[in-house]
N, C-alpha and C. Protein backbone atom coordinates (compact mmCIF):
# COMPACT_ATOMS: atom_id res chain seq x y z
N MET A 1 18.35 94.22 -53.99
CA MET A 1 17.87 94.65 -52.23
C MET A 1 18.21 95.92 -51.99
N THR A 2 17.00 95.90 -50.75
CA THR A 2 16.55 97.32 -50.42
C THR A 2 17.57 97.53 -49.50
N ASN A 3 17.48 99.12 -49.43
CA ASN A 3 18.54 99.85 -48.11
C ASN A 3 17.53 98.93 -46.21
N THR A 4 16.63 98.57 -46.37
CA THR A 4 16.07 97.85 -45.45
C THR A 4 16.31 96.70 -45.61
N SER A 5 16.62 95.86 -45.78
CA SER A 5 16.94 94.46 -45.79
C SER A 5 18.36 94.69 -45.82
N LYS A 6 19.12 95.64 -46.24
CA LYS A 6 20.69 95.28 -46.10
C LYS A 6 21.06 96.15 -44.62
N ASP A 7 19.60 96.64 -44.32
CA ASP A 7 19.69 97.34 -42.65
C ASP A 7 19.83 96.19 -41.74
N ASN A 8 19.39 95.34 -41.99
CA ASN A 8 18.25 94.66 -40.96
C ASN A 8 19.62 93.59 -41.03
N ARG A 9 20.25 92.88 -42.36
CA ARG A 9 21.41 92.24 -41.99
C ARG A 9 22.69 93.05 -41.51
N SER A 10 22.63 94.07 -41.41
CA SER A 10 23.95 94.78 -40.31
C SER A 10 23.36 94.44 -39.62
N ILE A 11 22.48 94.87 -38.69
CA ILE A 11 21.85 94.51 -37.43
C ILE A 11 21.79 93.82 -36.74
N ARG A 12 21.64 92.47 -37.83
CA ARG A 12 21.52 90.88 -37.43
C ARG A 12 22.88 90.35 -37.53
N SER A 13 23.83 90.75 -38.19
CA SER A 13 25.03 90.50 -37.95
C SER A 13 25.65 91.28 -36.60
N THR A 14 25.49 92.15 -36.30
CA THR A 14 26.11 93.11 -35.64
C THR A 14 25.97 92.25 -34.17
N ILE A 15 24.45 91.81 -34.18
CA ILE A 15 24.11 91.30 -32.52
C ILE A 15 24.58 89.84 -32.69
N ARG A 16 24.96 88.99 -33.52
CA ARG A 16 25.12 88.07 -33.86
C ARG A 16 26.80 87.79 -33.34
N TYR A 17 27.53 88.87 -33.46
CA TYR A 17 28.49 89.39 -33.40
C TYR A 17 28.66 89.61 -32.13
N MET A 18 28.30 90.41 -31.27
CA MET A 18 28.29 90.56 -29.68
C MET A 18 27.84 89.48 -29.10
N VAL A 19 26.84 88.54 -29.56
CA VAL A 19 26.42 87.46 -29.14
C VAL A 19 27.52 86.09 -28.80
N TYR A 20 28.12 86.12 -30.40
CA TYR A 20 28.85 85.12 -30.23
C TYR A 20 30.56 85.39 -30.67
N GLY A 21 31.02 86.31 -31.21
CA GLY A 21 32.06 86.59 -31.87
C GLY A 21 32.58 86.34 -30.51
N GLU A 22 34.10 86.83 -31.00
CA GLU A 22 35.32 86.84 -30.37
C GLU A 22 35.60 87.55 -29.22
N ALA A 23 34.98 89.28 -29.24
CA ALA A 23 34.78 89.97 -28.63
C ALA A 23 33.78 90.06 -27.66
N SER A 24 33.08 88.97 -27.69
CA SER A 24 31.80 89.27 -27.06
C SER A 24 31.15 89.33 -26.20
N ILE A 25 30.15 90.64 -25.48
CA ILE A 25 30.19 90.64 -24.02
C ILE A 25 29.79 89.41 -23.24
N PHE A 26 29.01 88.57 -24.09
CA PHE A 26 28.34 86.90 -22.91
C PHE A 26 29.68 86.23 -23.01
N LYS A 27 30.51 86.40 -23.91
CA LYS A 27 32.35 85.43 -23.96
C LYS A 27 32.84 85.89 -22.95
N GLU A 28 33.33 87.13 -22.74
CA GLU A 28 34.01 87.51 -22.06
C GLU A 28 33.11 87.26 -20.25
N TRP A 29 31.99 87.48 -20.45
CA TRP A 29 31.42 86.81 -18.89
C TRP A 29 31.36 85.54 -18.62
N ARG A 30 31.66 84.83 -20.04
CA ARG A 30 31.65 83.03 -19.45
C ARG A 30 33.13 83.01 -18.39
N ARG A 31 33.92 84.13 -19.61
CA ARG A 31 35.43 83.79 -19.08
C ARG A 31 35.30 84.17 -18.36
N LEU A 32 35.06 85.14 -17.48
CA LEU A 32 34.80 85.38 -16.31
C LEU A 32 34.65 83.81 -15.34
N THR A 33 33.62 83.84 -15.90
CA THR A 33 32.81 82.60 -14.91
C THR A 33 33.34 81.14 -14.71
N LYS A 34 33.76 81.09 -15.76
CA LYS A 34 35.30 80.12 -16.01
C LYS A 34 36.40 80.31 -14.99
N PHE A 35 36.93 81.30 -15.09
CA PHE A 35 38.27 81.96 -14.04
C PHE A 35 37.38 81.88 -12.83
N CYS A 36 36.55 81.94 -12.54
CA CYS A 36 36.20 82.15 -10.94
C CYS A 36 35.84 81.07 -10.39
N PHE A 37 35.24 80.16 -11.35
CA PHE A 37 35.38 78.31 -10.95
C PHE A 37 37.08 77.71 -10.68
N VAL A 38 37.61 78.31 -11.66
CA VAL A 38 39.15 78.22 -11.73
C VAL A 38 39.61 78.34 -10.37
N GLY A 39 39.20 79.59 -10.16
CA GLY A 39 39.96 79.97 -8.92
C GLY A 39 39.49 79.05 -7.76
N LEU A 40 37.96 79.13 -7.77
CA LEU A 40 37.71 78.44 -6.85
C LEU A 40 37.93 76.89 -6.44
N SER A 41 38.73 76.41 -7.68
CA SER A 41 39.83 74.74 -7.31
C SER A 41 40.98 75.40 -6.74
N GLY A 42 41.41 76.79 -7.15
CA GLY A 42 42.77 77.09 -6.86
C GLY A 42 42.31 77.19 -5.09
N VAL A 43 41.14 77.85 -5.02
CA VAL A 43 40.98 78.00 -3.49
C VAL A 43 41.33 76.84 -2.29
N GLY A 44 40.18 75.98 -3.30
CA GLY A 44 40.77 74.48 -2.07
C GLY A 44 41.82 74.22 -2.22
N VAL A 45 42.76 73.71 -3.64
CA VAL A 45 44.32 73.53 -3.63
C VAL A 45 44.77 74.35 -2.51
N GLY A 46 44.52 75.62 -2.07
CA GLY A 46 45.44 76.43 -1.83
C GLY A 46 45.36 76.26 -0.31
N LEU A 47 44.33 76.51 0.15
CA LEU A 47 43.79 76.64 1.85
C LEU A 47 43.63 75.21 2.08
N GLY A 48 43.61 73.88 1.26
CA GLY A 48 43.91 72.82 2.03
C GLY A 48 45.55 72.45 1.91
N SER A 49 46.26 72.72 1.10
CA SER A 49 48.02 72.86 1.74
C SER A 49 48.38 74.02 2.58
N LEU A 50 47.73 75.22 2.97
CA LEU A 50 47.80 75.93 3.80
C LEU A 50 47.49 75.13 5.22
N TRP A 51 46.57 74.84 5.23
CA TRP A 51 46.38 74.14 6.93
C TRP A 51 46.91 72.90 7.00
N LEU A 52 47.40 72.02 6.06
CA LEU A 52 47.76 70.75 5.70
C LEU A 52 49.52 71.34 6.53
N LEU A 53 49.92 72.16 5.95
CA LEU A 53 51.23 73.17 6.20
C LEU A 53 51.62 73.22 7.12
N LYS A 54 50.63 74.29 7.69
CA LYS A 54 50.73 74.61 8.91
C LYS A 54 50.39 73.83 10.25
N GLU A 55 48.91 73.24 9.93
CA GLU A 55 48.27 72.38 10.93
C GLU A 55 49.47 71.53 11.56
N VAL A 56 49.39 70.66 10.21
CA VAL A 56 50.99 69.35 10.34
C VAL A 56 51.49 68.99 9.84
N ALA A 57 52.62 70.05 9.57
CA ALA A 57 53.37 70.06 8.85
C ALA A 57 54.07 71.11 9.76
N GLY A 58 53.94 71.82 10.91
CA GLY A 58 53.96 73.28 11.74
C GLY A 58 54.67 74.22 11.54
N LEU A 59 54.30 74.21 10.03
CA LEU A 59 55.42 75.88 9.17
C LEU A 59 54.49 77.32 9.72
N PHE A 60 54.80 78.08 10.13
CA PHE A 60 54.75 79.31 10.19
C PHE A 60 53.53 79.33 9.30
N TYR A 61 52.38 80.19 9.32
CA TYR A 61 51.43 79.92 8.63
C TYR A 61 51.93 81.19 7.08
N VAL A 62 53.01 82.27 7.42
CA VAL A 62 53.09 83.03 6.06
C VAL A 62 53.84 82.15 4.92
N VAL A 63 54.63 81.48 5.72
CA VAL A 63 55.69 80.36 5.05
C VAL A 63 54.30 79.55 4.55
N ALA A 64 53.38 78.84 4.78
CA ALA A 64 52.64 77.93 4.55
C ALA A 64 52.05 78.53 3.95
N ALA A 65 51.35 79.55 3.36
CA ALA A 65 50.71 80.77 2.52
C ALA A 65 51.38 80.52 1.33
N VAL A 66 53.23 81.03 1.15
CA VAL A 66 53.54 80.49 0.39
C VAL A 66 53.64 79.64 -0.61
N ILE A 67 53.97 78.53 0.67
CA ILE A 67 54.13 77.30 -0.60
C ILE A 67 52.65 77.11 -0.92
N ALA A 68 51.53 77.48 -0.52
CA ALA A 68 50.35 77.25 -1.02
C ALA A 68 49.43 77.70 -1.89
N PHE A 69 50.63 79.06 -2.13
CA PHE A 69 50.10 79.84 -2.91
C PHE A 69 50.43 78.68 -4.17
N ILE A 70 52.15 78.79 -4.06
CA ILE A 70 52.83 78.39 -5.13
C ILE A 70 52.20 77.11 -5.97
N LEU A 71 51.48 76.24 -5.10
CA LEU A 71 50.88 74.89 -5.48
C LEU A 71 49.47 75.54 -5.99
N SER A 72 48.97 76.15 -5.50
CA SER A 72 47.23 77.01 -5.88
C SER A 72 47.78 77.42 -7.45
N VAL A 73 49.01 78.65 -7.74
CA VAL A 73 48.79 78.76 -8.96
C VAL A 73 48.90 78.22 -9.91
N ALA A 74 50.00 76.55 -9.26
CA ALA A 74 50.26 76.09 -10.46
C ALA A 74 49.10 75.20 -11.39
N ASN A 75 48.12 75.14 -10.38
CA ASN A 75 47.03 74.36 -10.56
C ASN A 75 46.10 75.33 -11.19
N ASN A 76 46.09 76.67 -10.98
CA ASN A 76 45.04 77.58 -11.82
C ASN A 76 45.78 77.38 -13.54
N PHE A 77 47.23 77.66 -12.88
CA PHE A 77 47.41 78.07 -14.50
C PHE A 77 46.93 76.39 -15.57
N THR A 78 47.19 75.81 -15.36
CA THR A 78 46.79 74.27 -15.73
C THR A 78 45.28 74.27 -16.68
N TRP A 79 44.67 74.56 -15.18
CA TRP A 79 43.02 74.53 -15.49
C TRP A 79 42.45 75.67 -16.73
N ASN A 80 43.02 77.30 -16.19
CA ASN A 80 42.87 78.32 -16.97
C ASN A 80 43.55 78.48 -18.44
N ARG A 81 44.95 77.50 -18.70
CA ARG A 81 45.29 77.36 -20.02
C ARG A 81 44.52 75.79 -21.19
N ILE A 82 43.60 75.01 -20.09
CA ILE A 82 43.09 73.89 -20.52
C ILE A 82 41.50 74.12 -20.90
N TRP A 83 41.09 74.97 -20.38
CA TRP A 83 39.58 75.51 -19.84
C TRP A 83 39.41 76.74 -20.23
N THR A 84 39.94 77.98 -19.60
CA THR A 84 39.19 79.73 -19.58
C THR A 84 40.25 80.01 -20.66
N PHE A 85 40.87 79.82 -21.00
CA PHE A 85 41.68 80.38 -21.91
C PHE A 85 42.39 79.46 -23.00
N ARG A 86 41.27 78.59 -23.79
CA ARG A 86 41.58 77.88 -24.22
C ARG A 86 42.11 78.43 -26.17
N ASP A 87 41.17 78.97 -26.18
CA ASP A 87 41.03 79.55 -27.51
C ASP A 87 42.38 80.89 -27.70
N ARG A 88 42.94 81.50 -26.34
CA ARG A 88 43.87 82.09 -26.55
C ARG A 88 45.49 81.28 -26.47
N SER A 89 45.58 80.25 -26.12
CA SER A 89 47.06 79.22 -25.66
C SER A 89 47.36 79.46 -26.76
N GLN A 90 48.88 79.23 -26.84
CA GLN A 90 50.10 79.66 -28.50
C GLN A 90 49.91 78.09 -28.56
N GLY A 91 49.35 77.61 -28.57
CA GLY A 91 50.05 76.34 -29.01
C GLY A 91 50.77 75.51 -27.92
N SER A 92 51.32 74.35 -28.29
CA SER A 92 51.89 73.11 -27.32
C SER A 92 52.98 72.96 -27.65
N GLU A 93 53.83 73.64 -27.90
CA GLU A 93 54.96 73.48 -27.78
C GLU A 93 55.66 74.20 -26.25
N VAL A 94 56.57 73.51 -25.69
CA VAL A 94 57.41 73.59 -24.75
C VAL A 94 57.49 74.67 -24.34
N SER A 95 57.76 75.63 -25.21
CA SER A 95 58.47 77.20 -25.15
C SER A 95 57.51 77.91 -25.25
N ALA A 96 56.18 77.60 -25.48
CA ALA A 96 55.48 78.38 -25.87
C ALA A 96 54.94 78.50 -24.07
N ILE A 97 54.37 77.38 -23.87
CA ILE A 97 53.81 76.81 -22.36
C ILE A 97 54.49 77.30 -21.47
N LEU A 98 56.11 77.02 -21.43
CA LEU A 98 57.05 77.62 -20.43
C LEU A 98 56.54 79.24 -20.46
N GLY A 99 56.89 79.92 -21.55
CA GLY A 99 56.44 81.94 -21.29
C GLY A 99 54.90 81.79 -21.20
N GLN A 100 54.73 81.51 -21.51
CA GLN A 100 52.73 81.54 -21.11
C GLN A 100 53.00 81.45 -19.11
N TRP A 101 53.60 79.98 -18.71
CA TRP A 101 53.92 79.95 -17.23
C TRP A 101 54.51 80.81 -16.72
N PHE A 102 55.39 80.97 -17.08
CA PHE A 102 56.66 82.34 -16.88
C PHE A 102 55.62 83.85 -16.16
N LYS A 103 54.79 84.36 -17.28
CA LYS A 103 53.65 85.08 -17.68
C LYS A 103 52.80 85.33 -16.57
N PHE A 104 52.49 84.26 -16.12
CA PHE A 104 51.26 83.87 -14.87
C PHE A 104 51.80 83.33 -13.73
N LEU A 105 52.74 83.53 -13.78
CA LEU A 105 53.86 83.48 -12.59
C LEU A 105 53.96 84.61 -11.96
N LEU A 106 54.58 85.50 -13.06
CA LEU A 106 55.12 86.50 -12.64
C LEU A 106 53.52 87.72 -12.30
N SER A 107 52.67 87.12 -12.89
CA SER A 107 51.46 88.11 -12.40
C SER A 107 51.05 88.01 -11.17
N SER A 108 50.54 86.76 -11.09
CA SER A 108 50.15 86.19 -9.97
C SER A 108 51.00 86.19 -8.89
N SER A 109 52.30 86.50 -8.82
CA SER A 109 53.22 86.66 -8.21
C SER A 109 53.63 88.75 -7.39
N GLY A 110 52.86 89.11 -8.41
CA GLY A 110 52.70 90.41 -8.59
C GLY A 110 51.60 90.79 -7.05
N THR A 111 50.77 89.39 -7.61
CA THR A 111 49.31 90.12 -6.79
C THR A 111 49.84 89.44 -5.28
N LEU A 112 50.90 88.34 -5.18
CA LEU A 112 51.01 88.18 -3.99
C LEU A 112 50.94 88.55 -3.00
N GLY A 113 51.95 90.03 -3.20
CA GLY A 113 52.10 90.80 -2.31
C GLY A 113 50.61 91.72 -1.86
N VAL A 114 49.74 91.68 -2.31
CA VAL A 114 48.57 92.18 -2.13
C VAL A 114 47.70 91.26 -1.24
N ASN A 115 48.18 89.89 -1.56
CA ASN A 115 47.08 88.58 -0.98
C ASN A 115 48.05 88.43 0.66
N LEU A 116 49.09 88.67 0.48
CA LEU A 116 50.22 88.34 1.79
C LEU A 116 49.47 89.89 2.89
N GLY A 117 49.51 90.61 1.91
CA GLY A 117 49.47 92.01 2.90
C GLY A 117 48.41 91.55 3.09
N VAL A 118 46.72 91.51 3.08
CA VAL A 118 45.57 91.37 3.61
C VAL A 118 45.72 90.38 4.43
N LEU A 119 45.94 88.94 4.13
CA LEU A 119 45.94 87.61 4.80
C LEU A 119 46.71 88.29 6.14
N THR A 120 48.64 89.07 6.23
CA THR A 120 48.96 89.53 7.53
C THR A 120 48.29 90.37 8.12
N LEU A 121 47.44 91.58 7.38
CA LEU A 121 46.53 92.59 8.02
C LEU A 121 45.41 92.29 8.80
N LEU A 122 44.66 90.87 8.50
CA LEU A 122 43.12 90.98 8.97
C LEU A 122 43.94 89.74 9.94
N THR A 123 44.62 89.23 9.97
CA THR A 123 45.29 88.05 10.73
C THR A 123 46.17 88.52 11.87
N GLU A 124 47.00 89.50 11.91
CA GLU A 124 47.57 89.96 12.94
C GLU A 124 47.09 91.26 13.87
N VAL A 125 46.68 92.25 13.07
CA VAL A 125 45.85 93.16 13.34
C VAL A 125 44.27 93.40 14.25
N PHE A 126 43.64 92.28 13.12
CA PHE A 126 42.25 92.35 13.44
C PHE A 126 42.00 91.08 14.29
N GLY A 127 43.16 90.18 13.97
CA GLY A 127 42.86 88.87 14.71
C GLY A 127 41.92 88.23 14.40
N ILE A 128 41.45 88.06 13.13
CA ILE A 128 40.92 87.44 12.11
C ILE A 128 41.33 86.13 11.95
N HIS A 129 40.59 84.71 12.11
CA HIS A 129 41.46 83.20 11.82
C HIS A 129 42.24 83.17 10.58
N TYR A 130 43.44 82.40 10.45
CA TYR A 130 44.15 82.74 9.28
C TYR A 130 43.74 82.20 7.52
N ILE A 131 42.39 80.87 8.42
CA ILE A 131 42.00 80.70 6.76
C ILE A 131 41.18 82.01 6.07
N LEU A 132 40.13 81.89 7.01
CA LEU A 132 39.43 83.46 6.58
C LEU A 132 39.91 84.63 6.17
N SER A 133 41.30 84.87 6.68
CA SER A 133 41.81 85.86 6.50
C SER A 133 42.50 85.61 5.19
N ALA A 134 42.68 84.53 4.55
CA ALA A 134 43.39 84.06 3.60
C ALA A 134 42.14 83.76 2.24
N LEU A 135 40.52 83.93 2.75
CA LEU A 135 39.40 84.09 1.93
C LEU A 135 39.18 85.39 1.69
N CYS A 136 39.59 86.18 2.20
CA CYS A 136 39.49 87.61 2.42
C CYS A 136 40.58 87.62 1.03
N ALA A 137 41.80 87.52 1.08
CA ALA A 137 43.01 87.88 0.29
C ALA A 137 42.55 87.65 -0.96
N VAL A 138 41.94 86.64 -1.17
CA VAL A 138 41.46 85.89 -2.54
C VAL A 138 40.76 87.00 -3.19
N ALA A 139 39.63 87.05 -2.43
CA ALA A 139 38.67 87.84 -2.92
C ALA A 139 39.44 89.37 -3.35
N VAL A 140 40.53 90.16 -2.52
CA VAL A 140 41.23 91.17 -3.23
C VAL A 140 41.81 90.84 -4.28
N ALA A 141 42.61 90.28 -4.53
CA ALA A 141 43.41 89.54 -5.31
C ALA A 141 42.73 89.35 -6.89
N THR A 142 41.40 88.23 -6.78
CA THR A 142 40.65 88.18 -8.12
C THR A 142 40.92 88.91 -9.35
N PRO A 143 40.35 89.86 -9.01
CA PRO A 143 39.85 91.03 -10.21
C PRO A 143 41.27 91.07 -10.62
N MET A 144 42.40 91.35 -10.01
CA MET A 144 43.96 91.92 -10.22
C MET A 144 44.11 90.68 -11.44
N ASN A 145 44.05 89.10 -10.75
CA ASN A 145 44.89 88.20 -11.16
C ASN A 145 43.69 88.12 -12.71
N PHE A 146 42.35 88.45 -12.97
CA PHE A 146 41.75 88.18 -13.94
C PHE A 146 41.67 89.26 -15.00
N LEU A 147 42.29 90.57 -14.80
CA LEU A 147 43.01 91.54 -15.41
C LEU A 147 44.22 91.34 -15.67
N PHE A 148 45.19 90.36 -15.45
CA PHE A 148 46.65 90.11 -15.65
C PHE A 148 46.63 89.03 -16.74
N SER A 149 45.76 87.96 -16.59
CA SER A 149 45.84 86.62 -17.47
C SER A 149 44.99 87.15 -18.54
N THR A 150 43.34 88.09 -18.45
CA THR A 150 43.14 88.68 -19.98
C THR A 150 43.44 89.23 -21.15
N PHE A 151 44.29 90.79 -20.11
CA PHE A 151 45.16 91.34 -21.23
C PHE A 151 46.54 91.02 -21.46
N TRP A 152 47.28 90.38 -20.78
CA TRP A 152 48.78 89.92 -20.55
C TRP A 152 48.69 88.55 -20.76
N VAL A 153 48.98 87.78 -19.79
CA VAL A 153 48.95 86.40 -20.01
C VAL A 153 48.64 85.65 -21.10
N TRP A 154 47.23 85.78 -22.04
CA TRP A 154 46.63 85.29 -22.65
C TRP A 154 45.97 86.22 -23.20
N ARG A 155 46.83 86.91 -23.83
CA ARG A 155 46.55 88.77 -24.83
C ARG A 155 45.88 87.62 -26.04
N LEU A 156 45.10 88.24 -26.43
CA LEU A 156 45.27 88.04 -27.90
C LEU A 156 46.35 88.79 -29.04
N SER A 157 47.25 87.52 -29.96
CA SER A 157 47.99 88.42 -30.81
C SER A 157 47.64 89.16 -31.50
N PRO A 158 48.76 90.25 -31.68
CA PRO A 158 48.26 91.61 -32.74
C PRO A 158 47.55 91.31 -34.16
N ALA A 159 48.00 89.81 -34.88
CA ALA A 159 47.73 89.74 -36.16
C ALA A 159 46.32 88.94 -35.24
N ARG A 160 45.80 88.13 -34.72
CA ARG A 160 44.44 88.15 -34.72
C ARG A 160 43.45 89.51 -34.18
N SER A 161 44.11 90.26 -33.16
CA SER A 161 43.15 91.58 -32.85
C SER A 161 42.83 92.93 -34.01
N SER A 162 43.58 92.64 -34.85
CA SER A 162 44.07 93.74 -36.25
C SER A 162 42.87 93.43 -37.12
N LYS A 163 42.62 91.92 -37.34
CA LYS A 163 41.42 91.24 -37.82
C LYS A 163 40.33 91.59 -37.78
N SER A 164 39.39 92.49 -38.72
CA SER A 164 37.73 92.70 -38.64
C SER A 164 37.35 91.57 -37.59
N PRO A 165 36.18 91.86 -37.17
CA PRO A 165 34.88 90.78 -36.62
C PRO A 165 34.60 89.59 -37.86
N LEU A 166 34.77 90.04 -38.99
CA LEU A 166 34.29 89.45 -39.93
C LEU A 166 34.81 88.34 -40.49
N GLN A 167 36.60 88.37 -40.11
CA GLN A 167 37.58 88.05 -40.63
C GLN A 167 38.16 87.02 -39.35
N ARG A 168 37.90 87.63 -38.33
CA ARG A 168 38.11 86.35 -37.29
C ARG A 168 36.96 85.46 -36.91
N SER A 169 35.73 85.68 -37.53
CA SER A 169 34.71 84.65 -37.14
C SER A 169 34.28 84.52 -38.66
N PRO A 170 34.59 83.85 -39.59
CA PRO A 170 33.91 83.83 -40.43
C PRO A 170 32.65 83.25 -40.29
N GLU A 171 32.58 82.61 -40.02
CA GLU A 171 30.74 81.69 -39.22
C GLU A 171 29.80 82.91 -39.13
N LEU A 172 30.49 83.83 -38.73
CA LEU A 172 29.20 84.72 -38.77
C LEU A 172 29.01 85.62 -39.82
N LYS A 173 29.65 85.75 -41.27
CA LYS A 173 28.94 86.39 -42.02
C LYS A 173 27.53 85.81 -42.57
N SER A 174 26.95 86.77 -43.15
CA SER A 174 25.53 86.38 -43.79
C SER A 174 25.88 86.17 -44.93
N PRO A 175 24.63 85.22 -44.75
CA PRO A 175 24.76 84.18 -46.55
C PRO A 175 24.49 85.78 -47.86
């Protein structure tokens, strides 16, 4: 085999890994897209719950927002586990699911402060309707939630991430 054909194989293998491999640029964009779609479903759950709890149940909008947030987090955890981070879920044992749920709840609670801060600021100080303020709060919190989810809640285990790209993705090996 000539040096040129080895170089071509190496280039093909590298490109294939970048496109289809575990650390693929496109894979992370797809993951972010999925995360945003899941987030949109969470926005629907959250805003629907917020409206029902405030307008129908008569709760104060901040109390209603906290309850709606919890319902939205439960929705997002379920869909992210099933769809967005399926390849990183740590099994179906109750302890693994509860561990991920706790991490997800903790990371989401961390961004709840940001969420409520933006909601209160926009509603109380700037007089913006609470639903529009809630949408703005979600837009501010989404990047933080994605980073927490990717690098903490559903991070790759050390055993998987320490392997070389071809060990992780044997289908990418050249013939």
